[in-house]
Amino acid sequence: MTFIPIFVAVDALGNIPLFISLTHSLSKKHKARVIQESIVTATVIAIGFMFLGKAVLRILGITVADFQIAGGILLLVISTNLLLSGRRKGSALTEKNESVGVFPLGTPLITGPAVLTMTMIVRDAFGWIPALVSIILNMLIVWASFQYTDFFLRLIGEAGMRAFAKIIYILLAAIAVMMMRKGILGVLGL
């Protein structure tokens, strides 16, 4: 039950087209370093936020419900923009950027507002051990999907990859609505 919401929020397979576009001109060694940087960054941020997120929000005077609503709105805007405009995540980024592992891949694309909010929701609902296991399993899936991008590209082709990304964007929009709904119910005390 904890795995699926984080899987959809992480969007491991939906990030493959961006990963390909950002790393296609890199050497195999450099591409491996980008994969490692992105996974370490995303994992550390997700786990750190799972444990410290509520404290950070409390210091800032933000409730979890506020964060859910804000994260849901942001995620809905992003997913709608990606779905309707036909652009891929990070399309304004250049391929020459050598630090793409940390930014934009590690954060905000792998671990962004949706993952941060989802880790807190999952932790509150199911406990920190299932949430931690789900984060680690999802990061392993991201690692594998980035490691084997050539296989995915051959398997479903460029058009199939774009179609799959669109499905993920629709699921992200649905998760955004769910986050806002839970946030509004939380604010109302229901």
N, C-alpha and C. Protein backbone atom coordinates (compact mmCIF):
# COMPACT_ATOMS: atom_id res chain seq x y z
N MET A 1 0.82 -1.20 0.00
CA MET A 1 0.00 0.00 0.00
C MET A 1 0.86 1.27 0.00
N THR A 2 2.06 1.19 0.56
CA THR A 2 2.93 2.37 0.60
C THR A 2 3.73 2.53 -0.68
N PHE A 3 3.93 1.44 -1.40
CA PHE A 3 4.80 1.46 -2.57
C PHE A 3 4.21 2.26 -3.74
N ILE A 4 2.94 2.01 -4.06
CA ILE A 4 2.33 2.59 -5.27
C ILE A 4 2.28 4.12 -5.24
N PRO A 5 1.82 4.77 -4.16
CA PRO A 5 1.79 6.24 -4.18
C PRO A 5 3.17 6.86 -4.38
N ILE A 6 4.18 6.27 -3.75
CA ILE A 6 5.53 6.80 -3.93
C ILE A 6 6.04 6.49 -5.33
N PHE A 7 5.69 5.32 -5.86
CA PHE A 7 6.10 4.96 -7.22
C PHE A 7 5.57 5.97 -8.24
N VAL A 8 4.29 6.31 -8.11
CA VAL A 8 3.70 7.26 -9.05
C VAL A 8 4.32 8.65 -8.87
N ALA A 9 4.55 9.05 -7.62
CA ALA A 9 5.14 10.37 -7.36
C ALA A 9 6.58 10.46 -7.85
N VAL A 10 7.35 9.38 -7.68
CA VAL A 10 8.74 9.36 -8.13
C VAL A 10 8.81 9.41 -9.66
N ASP A 11 7.88 8.72 -10.33
CA ASP A 11 7.81 8.72 -11.79
C ASP A 11 9.10 8.22 -12.43
N ALA A 12 9.60 7.08 -11.94
CA ALA A 12 10.87 6.52 -12.43
C ALA A 12 10.88 6.35 -13.94
N LEU A 13 9.86 5.72 -14.48
CA LEU A 13 9.84 5.46 -15.92
C LEU A 13 9.53 6.72 -16.72
N GLY A 14 8.73 7.61 -16.17
CA GLY A 14 8.42 8.86 -16.85
C GLY A 14 9.62 9.79 -16.95
N ASN A 15 10.62 9.59 -16.09
CA ASN A 15 11.83 10.41 -16.13
C ASN A 15 12.86 9.90 -17.14
N ILE A 16 12.63 8.73 -17.70
CA ILE A 16 13.59 8.17 -18.65
C ILE A 16 13.81 9.07 -19.87
N PRO A 17 12.74 9.62 -20.49
CA PRO A 17 12.99 10.50 -21.64
C PRO A 17 13.89 11.69 -21.31
N LEU A 18 13.67 12.29 -20.15
CA LEU A 18 14.53 13.41 -19.75
C LEU A 18 15.94 12.93 -19.49
N PHE A 19 16.09 11.81 -18.81
CA PHE A 19 17.41 11.27 -18.54
C PHE A 19 18.15 11.04 -19.86
N ILE A 20 17.48 10.47 -20.83
CA ILE A 20 18.11 10.22 -22.13
C ILE A 20 18.54 11.53 -22.77
N SER A 21 17.65 12.52 -22.75
CA SER A 21 17.99 13.79 -23.40
C SER A 21 19.14 14.51 -22.70
N LEU A 22 19.25 14.36 -21.39
CA LEU A 22 20.32 15.04 -20.64
C LEU A 22 21.65 14.31 -20.68
N THR A 23 21.62 13.02 -20.97
CA THR A 23 22.86 12.25 -20.87
C THR A 23 23.31 11.57 -22.16
N HIS A 24 22.57 11.75 -23.25
CA HIS A 24 22.90 11.00 -24.47
C HIS A 24 24.29 11.31 -25.01
N SER A 25 24.82 12.50 -24.74
CA SER A 25 26.14 12.86 -25.26
C SER A 25 27.26 12.57 -24.27
N LEU A 26 26.94 12.02 -23.11
CA LEU A 26 27.95 11.75 -22.09
C LEU A 26 28.60 10.39 -22.29
N SER A 27 29.83 10.27 -21.81
CA SER A 27 30.51 8.98 -21.85
C SER A 27 29.82 8.03 -20.88
N LYS A 28 30.09 6.74 -21.05
CA LYS A 28 29.48 5.73 -20.19
C LYS A 28 29.88 5.97 -18.73
N LYS A 29 31.11 6.35 -18.49
CA LYS A 29 31.59 6.61 -17.13
C LYS A 29 30.88 7.82 -16.52
N HIS A 30 30.76 8.89 -17.31
CA HIS A 30 30.09 10.10 -16.82
C HIS A 30 28.60 9.84 -16.58
N LYS A 31 27.98 9.05 -17.46
CA LYS A 31 26.57 8.71 -17.30
C LYS A 31 26.36 7.92 -16.00
N ALA A 32 27.29 7.00 -15.70
CA ALA A 32 27.21 6.23 -14.45
C ALA A 32 27.31 7.15 -13.24
N ARG A 33 28.17 8.17 -13.33
CA ARG A 33 28.30 9.13 -12.23
C ARG A 33 27.02 9.94 -12.06
N VAL A 34 26.40 10.34 -13.16
CA VAL A 34 25.14 11.07 -13.10
C VAL A 34 24.06 10.21 -12.44
N ILE A 35 24.00 8.94 -12.80
CA ILE A 35 23.00 8.04 -12.19
C ILE A 35 23.24 7.96 -10.68
N GLN A 36 24.48 7.76 -10.28
CA GLN A 36 24.80 7.66 -8.86
C GLN A 36 24.44 8.95 -8.12
N GLU A 37 24.82 10.10 -8.66
CA GLU A 37 24.52 11.39 -8.03
C GLU A 37 23.02 11.60 -7.89
N SER A 38 22.27 11.25 -8.93
CA SER A 38 20.82 11.49 -8.90
C SER A 38 20.15 10.60 -7.86
N ILE A 39 20.55 9.34 -7.78
CA ILE A 39 19.93 8.41 -6.83
C ILE A 39 20.29 8.79 -5.40
N VAL A 40 21.56 9.10 -5.14
CA VAL A 40 21.97 9.49 -3.79
C VAL A 40 21.26 10.76 -3.36
N THR A 41 21.22 11.76 -4.23
CA THR A 41 20.54 13.02 -3.91
C THR A 41 19.07 12.79 -3.61
N ALA A 42 18.38 12.09 -4.50
CA ALA A 42 16.95 11.86 -4.33
C ALA A 42 16.65 11.06 -3.06
N THR A 43 17.46 10.04 -2.79
CA THR A 43 17.23 9.20 -1.61
C THR A 43 17.46 9.96 -0.32
N VAL A 44 18.56 10.69 -0.24
CA VAL A 44 18.88 11.46 0.97
C VAL A 44 17.80 12.50 1.25
N ILE A 45 17.36 13.19 0.22
CA ILE A 45 16.33 14.22 0.42
C ILE A 45 15.01 13.57 0.86
N ALA A 46 14.60 12.49 0.21
CA ALA A 46 13.33 11.84 0.56
C ALA A 46 13.36 11.29 1.99
N ILE A 47 14.44 10.60 2.35
CA ILE A 47 14.53 10.04 3.70
C ILE A 47 14.66 11.15 4.73
N GLY A 48 15.48 12.14 4.42
CA GLY A 48 15.63 13.27 5.35
C GLY A 48 14.31 13.98 5.60
N PHE A 49 13.55 14.19 4.53
CA PHE A 49 12.27 14.88 4.69
C PHE A 49 11.25 14.01 5.41
N MET A 50 11.35 12.68 5.21
CA MET A 50 10.44 11.79 5.90
C MET A 50 10.59 11.94 7.41
N PHE A 51 11.84 12.10 7.88
CA PHE A 51 12.10 12.22 9.31
C PHE A 51 12.04 13.66 9.82
N LEU A 52 12.48 14.62 9.01
CA LEU A 52 12.59 16.01 9.46
C LEU A 52 11.54 16.94 8.88
N GLY A 53 10.76 16.45 7.93
CA GLY A 53 9.80 17.30 7.23
C GLY A 53 8.81 17.99 8.13
N LYS A 54 8.24 17.25 9.06
CA LYS A 54 7.25 17.86 9.96
C LYS A 54 7.90 18.93 10.84
N ALA A 55 9.14 18.69 11.30
CA ALA A 55 9.84 19.68 12.13
C ALA A 55 10.10 20.95 11.32
N VAL A 56 10.52 20.78 10.08
CA VAL A 56 10.78 21.94 9.21
C VAL A 56 9.49 22.72 9.00
N LEU A 57 8.41 22.00 8.72
CA LEU A 57 7.13 22.66 8.51
C LEU A 57 6.67 23.37 9.78
N ARG A 58 6.88 22.73 10.93
CA ARG A 58 6.48 23.33 12.21
C ARG A 58 7.27 24.63 12.48
N ILE A 59 8.57 24.60 12.20
CA ILE A 59 9.40 25.80 12.39
C ILE A 59 8.91 26.93 11.50
N LEU A 60 8.47 26.59 10.31
CA LEU A 60 7.97 27.60 9.37
C LEU A 60 6.51 27.96 9.61
N GLY A 61 5.85 27.24 10.54
CA GLY A 61 4.45 27.52 10.82
C GLY A 61 3.51 26.97 9.78
N ILE A 62 3.95 25.95 9.07
CA ILE A 62 3.15 25.34 8.01
C ILE A 62 2.64 24.00 8.52
N THR A 63 1.35 23.75 8.38
CA THR A 63 0.81 22.45 8.78
C THR A 63 1.01 21.45 7.65
N VAL A 64 0.91 20.17 7.98
CA VAL A 64 1.00 19.14 6.95
C VAL A 64 -0.13 19.33 5.94
N ALA A 65 -1.30 19.73 6.42
CA ALA A 65 -2.43 19.98 5.51
C ALA A 65 -2.11 21.12 4.55
N ASP A 66 -1.47 22.19 5.06
CA ASP A 66 -1.06 23.30 4.18
C ASP A 66 -0.10 22.80 3.11
N PHE A 67 0.87 21.98 3.55
CA PHE A 67 1.87 21.45 2.62
C PHE A 67 1.22 20.53 1.59
N GLN A 68 0.24 19.75 2.02
CA GLN A 68 -0.47 18.87 1.09
C GLN A 68 -1.21 19.70 0.04
N ILE A 69 -1.89 20.75 0.48
CA ILE A 69 -2.63 21.59 -0.47
C ILE A 69 -1.66 22.27 -1.43
N ALA A 70 -0.59 22.87 -0.89
CA ALA A 70 0.38 23.57 -1.75
C ALA A 70 1.07 22.59 -2.70
N GLY A 71 1.49 21.44 -2.16
CA GLY A 71 2.12 20.43 -3.01
C GLY A 71 1.17 19.91 -4.07
N GLY A 72 -0.09 19.73 -3.71
CA GLY A 72 -1.09 19.27 -4.67
C GLY A 72 -1.34 20.28 -5.77
N ILE A 73 -1.44 21.56 -5.40
CA ILE A 73 -1.64 22.61 -6.41
C ILE A 73 -0.45 22.67 -7.35
N LEU A 74 0.75 22.67 -6.76
CA LEU A 74 1.96 22.74 -7.59
C LEU A 74 2.05 21.53 -8.52
N LEU A 75 1.81 20.35 -7.97
CA LEU A 75 1.87 19.13 -8.78
C LEU A 75 0.80 19.14 -9.87
N LEU A 76 -0.39 19.65 -9.57
CA LEU A 76 -1.45 19.72 -10.58
C LEU A 76 -1.05 20.68 -11.71
N VAL A 77 -0.49 21.82 -11.35
CA VAL A 77 -0.06 22.78 -12.37
C VAL A 77 1.03 22.17 -13.24
N ILE A 78 2.01 21.53 -12.60
CA ILE A 78 3.12 20.93 -13.35
C ILE A 78 2.61 19.81 -14.25
N SER A 79 1.80 18.90 -13.70
CA SER A 79 1.33 17.77 -14.50
C SER A 79 0.41 18.23 -15.63
N THR A 80 -0.43 19.22 -15.36
CA THR A 80 -1.30 19.74 -16.41
C THR A 80 -0.48 20.40 -17.52
N ASN A 81 0.50 21.19 -17.12
CA ASN A 81 1.37 21.84 -18.10
C ASN A 81 2.09 20.81 -18.95
N LEU A 82 2.64 19.79 -18.33
CA LEU A 82 3.35 18.76 -19.06
C LEU A 82 2.41 17.97 -19.97
N LEU A 83 1.23 17.70 -19.47
CA LEU A 83 0.27 16.90 -20.24
C LEU A 83 -0.28 17.67 -21.44
N LEU A 84 -0.64 18.92 -21.24
CA LEU A 84 -1.30 19.68 -22.30
C LEU A 84 -0.35 20.37 -23.25
N SER A 85 0.83 20.74 -22.77
CA SER A 85 1.73 21.49 -23.64
C SER A 85 2.58 20.60 -24.53
N GLY A 86 2.67 19.32 -24.16
CA GLY A 86 3.48 18.41 -24.96
C GLY A 86 4.95 18.50 -24.63
N ARG A 87 5.32 19.34 -23.68
CA ARG A 87 6.73 19.45 -23.31
C ARG A 87 7.08 18.39 -22.29
N ARG A 88 8.34 18.02 -22.29
CA ARG A 88 8.84 17.09 -21.29
C ARG A 88 9.36 17.88 -20.12
N LYS A 89 9.48 17.20 -18.99
CA LYS A 89 10.07 17.83 -17.82
C LYS A 89 11.45 18.34 -18.19
N GLY A 90 11.74 19.54 -17.76
CA GLY A 90 13.09 20.06 -17.94
C GLY A 90 13.45 20.38 -19.36
N SER A 91 12.48 20.62 -20.23
CA SER A 91 12.80 20.84 -21.63
C SER A 91 13.65 22.08 -21.86
N ALA A 92 13.66 23.00 -20.91
CA ALA A 92 14.47 24.20 -21.06
C ALA A 92 15.92 23.97 -20.65
N LEU A 93 16.22 22.80 -20.13
CA LEU A 93 17.57 22.50 -19.68
C LEU A 93 18.46 22.19 -20.86
N THR A 94 19.71 22.49 -20.71
CA THR A 94 20.65 22.20 -21.78
C THR A 94 21.33 20.87 -21.53
N GLU A 95 21.78 20.25 -22.59
CA GLU A 95 22.46 18.98 -22.48
C GLU A 95 23.89 19.13 -22.01
N LYS A 96 24.43 20.32 -22.03
CA LYS A 96 25.82 20.53 -21.69
C LYS A 96 26.05 20.64 -20.19
N ASN A 97 24.99 20.72 -19.41
CA ASN A 97 25.11 20.83 -17.96
C ASN A 97 25.69 19.54 -17.40
N GLU A 98 26.83 19.64 -16.71
CA GLU A 98 27.49 18.44 -16.22
C GLU A 98 27.02 18.01 -14.84
N SER A 99 26.25 18.82 -14.15
CA SER A 99 25.80 18.46 -12.81
C SER A 99 24.33 18.05 -12.80
N VAL A 100 23.87 17.46 -13.86
CA VAL A 100 22.46 17.10 -13.97
C VAL A 100 22.04 16.00 -13.00
N GLY A 101 23.00 15.30 -12.41
CA GLY A 101 22.65 14.25 -11.46
C GLY A 101 21.98 14.79 -10.21
N VAL A 102 22.55 15.87 -9.67
CA VAL A 102 21.98 16.48 -8.47
C VAL A 102 20.75 17.30 -8.84
N PHE A 103 20.92 18.21 -9.78
CA PHE A 103 19.83 19.06 -10.26
C PHE A 103 19.87 19.04 -11.77
N PRO A 104 18.84 18.70 -12.44
CA PRO A 104 17.45 18.55 -12.03
C PRO A 104 17.02 17.11 -11.74
N LEU A 105 17.88 16.12 -12.02
CA LEU A 105 17.42 14.74 -11.87
C LEU A 105 17.14 14.35 -10.42
N GLY A 106 18.14 14.48 -9.54
CA GLY A 106 17.95 14.08 -8.14
C GLY A 106 16.81 14.83 -7.49
N THR A 107 16.85 16.12 -7.65
CA THR A 107 15.77 16.99 -7.20
C THR A 107 15.65 18.14 -8.19
N PRO A 108 14.52 18.49 -8.64
CA PRO A 108 13.19 18.13 -8.17
C PRO A 108 12.51 17.02 -8.96
N LEU A 109 13.19 16.41 -9.96
CA LEU A 109 12.48 15.47 -10.81
C LEU A 109 12.23 14.10 -10.16
N ILE A 110 13.24 13.52 -9.52
CA ILE A 110 12.99 12.24 -8.84
C ILE A 110 12.32 12.50 -7.50
N THR A 111 12.93 13.34 -6.68
CA THR A 111 12.36 13.70 -5.38
C THR A 111 11.98 15.17 -5.42
N GLY A 112 10.71 15.41 -5.67
CA GLY A 112 10.18 16.76 -5.71
C GLY A 112 9.04 16.90 -4.72
N PRO A 113 8.21 17.91 -4.89
CA PRO A 113 7.11 18.16 -3.95
C PRO A 113 6.18 16.96 -3.76
N ALA A 114 5.90 16.24 -4.83
CA ALA A 114 4.98 15.10 -4.71
C ALA A 114 5.58 14.01 -3.83
N VAL A 115 6.85 13.71 -4.04
CA VAL A 115 7.50 12.66 -3.24
C VAL A 115 7.62 13.11 -1.79
N LEU A 116 8.00 14.37 -1.57
CA LEU A 116 8.14 14.86 -0.20
C LEU A 116 6.82 14.77 0.55
N THR A 117 5.77 15.22 -0.08
CA THR A 117 4.45 15.15 0.56
C THR A 117 4.02 13.70 0.75
N MET A 118 4.23 12.90 -0.28
CA MET A 118 3.79 11.51 -0.22
C MET A 118 4.54 10.74 0.87
N THR A 119 5.82 11.01 1.07
CA THR A 119 6.55 10.30 2.12
C THR A 119 5.99 10.63 3.49
N MET A 120 5.60 11.88 3.70
CA MET A 120 5.00 12.25 4.98
C MET A 120 3.63 11.59 5.16
N ILE A 121 2.83 11.56 4.10
CA ILE A 121 1.50 10.94 4.18
C ILE A 121 1.65 9.45 4.47
N VAL A 122 2.53 8.78 3.74
CA VAL A 122 2.74 7.34 3.90
C VAL A 122 3.30 7.04 5.30
N ARG A 123 4.24 7.86 5.75
CA ARG A 123 4.80 7.65 7.09
C ARG A 123 3.73 7.78 8.16
N ASP A 124 2.89 8.81 8.04
CA ASP A 124 1.82 9.00 9.02
C ASP A 124 0.80 7.86 8.99
N ALA A 125 0.50 7.37 7.80
CA ALA A 125 -0.54 6.34 7.66
C ALA A 125 -0.04 4.93 8.00
N PHE A 126 1.23 4.63 7.66
CA PHE A 126 1.70 3.25 7.78
C PHE A 126 2.94 3.08 8.65
N GLY A 127 3.57 4.17 9.07
CA GLY A 127 4.78 4.07 9.88
C GLY A 127 6.03 4.31 9.06
N TRP A 128 7.14 4.53 9.77
CA TRP A 128 8.37 4.91 9.06
C TRP A 128 9.05 3.73 8.38
N ILE A 129 8.90 2.52 8.89
CA ILE A 129 9.57 1.37 8.26
C ILE A 129 8.98 1.08 6.87
N PRO A 130 7.64 0.94 6.72
CA PRO A 130 7.10 0.74 5.37
C PRO A 130 7.43 1.91 4.43
N ALA A 131 7.41 3.13 4.96
CA ALA A 131 7.74 4.29 4.12
C ALA A 131 9.19 4.23 3.66
N LEU A 132 10.09 3.90 4.56
CA LEU A 132 11.51 3.80 4.23
C LEU A 132 11.76 2.71 3.20
N VAL A 133 11.14 1.55 3.41
CA VAL A 133 11.28 0.43 2.46
C VAL A 133 10.75 0.85 1.08
N SER A 134 9.62 1.55 1.04
CA SER A 134 9.04 2.00 -0.24
C SER A 134 9.96 2.99 -0.94
N ILE A 135 10.55 3.90 -0.19
CA ILE A 135 11.48 4.88 -0.79
C ILE A 135 12.67 4.14 -1.39
N ILE A 136 13.26 3.24 -0.62
CA ILE A 136 14.44 2.53 -1.11
C ILE A 136 14.11 1.67 -2.33
N LEU A 137 12.97 0.96 -2.30
CA LEU A 137 12.58 0.16 -3.47
C LEU A 137 12.36 1.03 -4.70
N ASN A 138 11.73 2.18 -4.50
CA ASN A 138 11.50 3.08 -5.63
C ASN A 138 12.80 3.65 -6.17
N MET A 139 13.74 3.95 -5.31
CA MET A 139 15.03 4.46 -5.78
C MET A 139 15.80 3.38 -6.54
N LEU A 140 15.64 2.12 -6.13
CA LEU A 140 16.25 1.03 -6.89
C LEU A 140 15.63 0.91 -8.28
N ILE A 141 14.33 1.14 -8.36
CA ILE A 141 13.66 1.12 -9.66
C ILE A 141 14.16 2.27 -10.53
N VAL A 142 14.34 3.46 -9.93
CA VAL A 142 14.89 4.60 -10.69
C VAL A 142 16.29 4.24 -11.19
N TRP A 143 17.12 3.69 -10.31
CA TRP A 143 18.47 3.31 -10.70
C TRP A 143 18.43 2.34 -11.89
N ALA A 144 17.60 1.30 -11.77
CA ALA A 144 17.51 0.30 -12.84
C ALA A 144 16.99 0.92 -14.14
N SER A 145 15.98 1.79 -14.02
CA SER A 145 15.42 2.39 -15.24
C SER A 145 16.43 3.30 -15.92
N PHE A 146 17.24 4.02 -15.16
CA PHE A 146 18.28 4.87 -15.75
C PHE A 146 19.42 4.00 -16.30
N GLN A 147 19.75 2.95 -15.58
CA GLN A 147 20.85 2.07 -15.98
C GLN A 147 20.55 1.38 -17.31
N TYR A 148 19.29 1.07 -17.54
CA TYR A 148 18.90 0.31 -18.73
C TYR A 148 18.04 1.13 -19.69
N THR A 149 18.36 2.40 -19.83
CA THR A 149 17.57 3.27 -20.73
C THR A 149 17.62 2.79 -22.17
N ASP A 150 18.75 2.27 -22.60
CA ASP A 150 18.84 1.80 -23.98
C ASP A 150 17.86 0.66 -24.23
N PHE A 151 17.72 -0.23 -23.25
CA PHE A 151 16.77 -1.34 -23.37
C PHE A 151 15.34 -0.82 -23.48
N PHE A 152 14.95 0.13 -22.59
CA PHE A 152 13.60 0.69 -22.62
C PHE A 152 13.33 1.38 -23.96
N LEU A 153 14.32 2.10 -24.45
CA LEU A 153 14.15 2.82 -25.71
C LEU A 153 13.93 1.84 -26.86
N ARG A 154 14.70 0.76 -26.87
CA ARG A 154 14.52 -0.27 -27.93
C ARG A 154 13.19 -1.00 -27.77
N LEU A 155 12.79 -1.23 -26.51
CA LEU A 155 11.59 -2.01 -26.24
C LEU A 155 10.31 -1.29 -26.69
N ILE A 156 10.13 -0.05 -26.30
CA ILE A 156 8.88 0.63 -26.63
C ILE A 156 9.04 1.80 -27.59
N GLY A 157 10.26 2.14 -27.93
CA GLY A 157 10.49 3.20 -28.89
C GLY A 157 10.25 4.58 -28.32
N GLU A 158 10.66 5.56 -29.06
CA GLU A 158 10.53 6.96 -28.63
C GLU A 158 9.06 7.36 -28.45
N ALA A 159 8.20 6.97 -29.40
CA ALA A 159 6.78 7.33 -29.30
C ALA A 159 6.13 6.63 -28.10
N GLY A 160 6.48 5.39 -27.87
CA GLY A 160 5.95 4.67 -26.72
C GLY A 160 6.39 5.30 -25.41
N MET A 161 7.63 5.78 -25.36
CA MET A 161 8.14 6.44 -24.17
C MET A 161 7.36 7.72 -23.89
N ARG A 162 7.07 8.48 -24.96
CA ARG A 162 6.28 9.71 -24.79
C ARG A 162 4.86 9.39 -24.32
N ALA A 163 4.26 8.33 -24.87
CA ALA A 163 2.90 7.94 -24.47
C ALA A 163 2.88 7.50 -23.01
N PHE A 164 3.88 6.74 -22.59
CA PHE A 164 3.95 6.30 -21.20
C PHE A 164 4.10 7.50 -20.27
N ALA A 165 4.91 8.47 -20.67
CA ALA A 165 5.09 9.68 -19.85
C ALA A 165 3.75 10.40 -19.69
N LYS A 166 2.94 10.45 -20.74
CA LYS A 166 1.63 11.12 -20.66
C LYS A 166 0.73 10.41 -19.65
N ILE A 167 0.75 9.08 -19.63
CA ILE A 167 -0.06 8.33 -18.66
C ILE A 167 0.39 8.68 -17.24
N ILE A 168 1.70 8.75 -17.04
CA ILE A 168 2.23 9.10 -15.72
C ILE A 168 1.78 10.50 -15.33
N TYR A 169 1.74 11.44 -16.28
CA TYR A 169 1.30 12.80 -15.98
C TYR A 169 -0.16 12.82 -15.53
N ILE A 170 -1.00 11.97 -16.14
CA ILE A 170 -2.40 11.88 -15.72
C ILE A 170 -2.49 11.34 -14.29
N LEU A 171 -1.70 10.31 -13.99
CA LEU A 171 -1.67 9.77 -12.64
C LEU A 171 -1.16 10.81 -11.64
N LEU A 172 -0.17 11.60 -12.04
CA LEU A 172 0.33 12.67 -11.17
C LEU A 172 -0.76 13.70 -10.89
N ALA A 173 -1.55 14.03 -11.90
CA ALA A 173 -2.66 14.97 -11.70
C ALA A 173 -3.67 14.40 -10.72
N ALA A 174 -3.96 13.10 -10.82
CA ALA A 174 -4.89 12.46 -9.88
C ALA A 174 -4.33 12.47 -8.46
N ILE A 175 -3.05 12.22 -8.33
CA ILE A 175 -2.42 12.28 -7.01
C ILE A 175 -2.48 13.70 -6.47
N ALA A 176 -2.31 14.69 -7.34
CA ALA A 176 -2.39 16.09 -6.92
C ALA A 176 -3.77 16.40 -6.34
N VAL A 177 -4.80 15.93 -7.01
CA VAL A 177 -6.17 16.15 -6.51
C VAL A 177 -6.36 15.45 -5.17
N MET A 178 -5.83 14.23 -5.04
CA MET A 178 -5.93 13.50 -3.77
C MET A 178 -5.21 14.26 -2.66
N MET A 179 -4.02 14.80 -2.96
CA MET A 179 -3.26 15.56 -1.96
C MET A 179 -4.05 16.79 -1.51
N MET A 180 -4.63 17.51 -2.46
CA MET A 180 -5.40 18.70 -2.12
C MET A 180 -6.63 18.33 -1.29
N ARG A 181 -7.32 17.25 -1.69
CA ARG A 181 -8.50 16.80 -0.96
C ARG A 181 -8.14 16.47 0.48
N LYS A 182 -7.06 15.69 0.69
CA LYS A 182 -6.65 15.35 2.04
C LYS A 182 -6.23 16.59 2.83
N GLY A 183 -5.58 17.52 2.16
CA GLY A 183 -5.17 18.75 2.82
C GLY A 183 -6.37 19.58 3.26
N ILE A 184 -7.35 19.70 2.39
CA ILE A 184 -8.55 20.47 2.71
C ILE A 184 -9.31 19.80 3.86
N LEU A 185 -9.44 18.48 3.81
CA LEU A 185 -10.09 17.77 4.89
C LEU A 185 -9.32 17.95 6.21
N GLY A 186 -7.98 17.99 6.11
CA GLY A 186 -7.15 18.21 7.30
C GLY A 186 -7.36 19.59 7.88
N VAL A 187 -7.44 20.60 7.03
CA VAL A 187 -7.67 21.97 7.48
C VAL A 187 -9.05 22.09 8.15
N LEU A 188 -10.02 21.40 7.58
CA LEU A 188 -11.38 21.44 8.11
C LEU A 188 -11.54 20.53 9.35
N GLY A 189 -10.51 19.75 9.64
CA GLY A 189 -10.57 18.87 10.81
C GLY A 189 -11.43 17.65 10.61
N LEU A 190 -11.61 17.23 9.39
CA LEU A 190 -12.45 16.05 9.09
C LEU A 190 -11.62 14.81 8.88
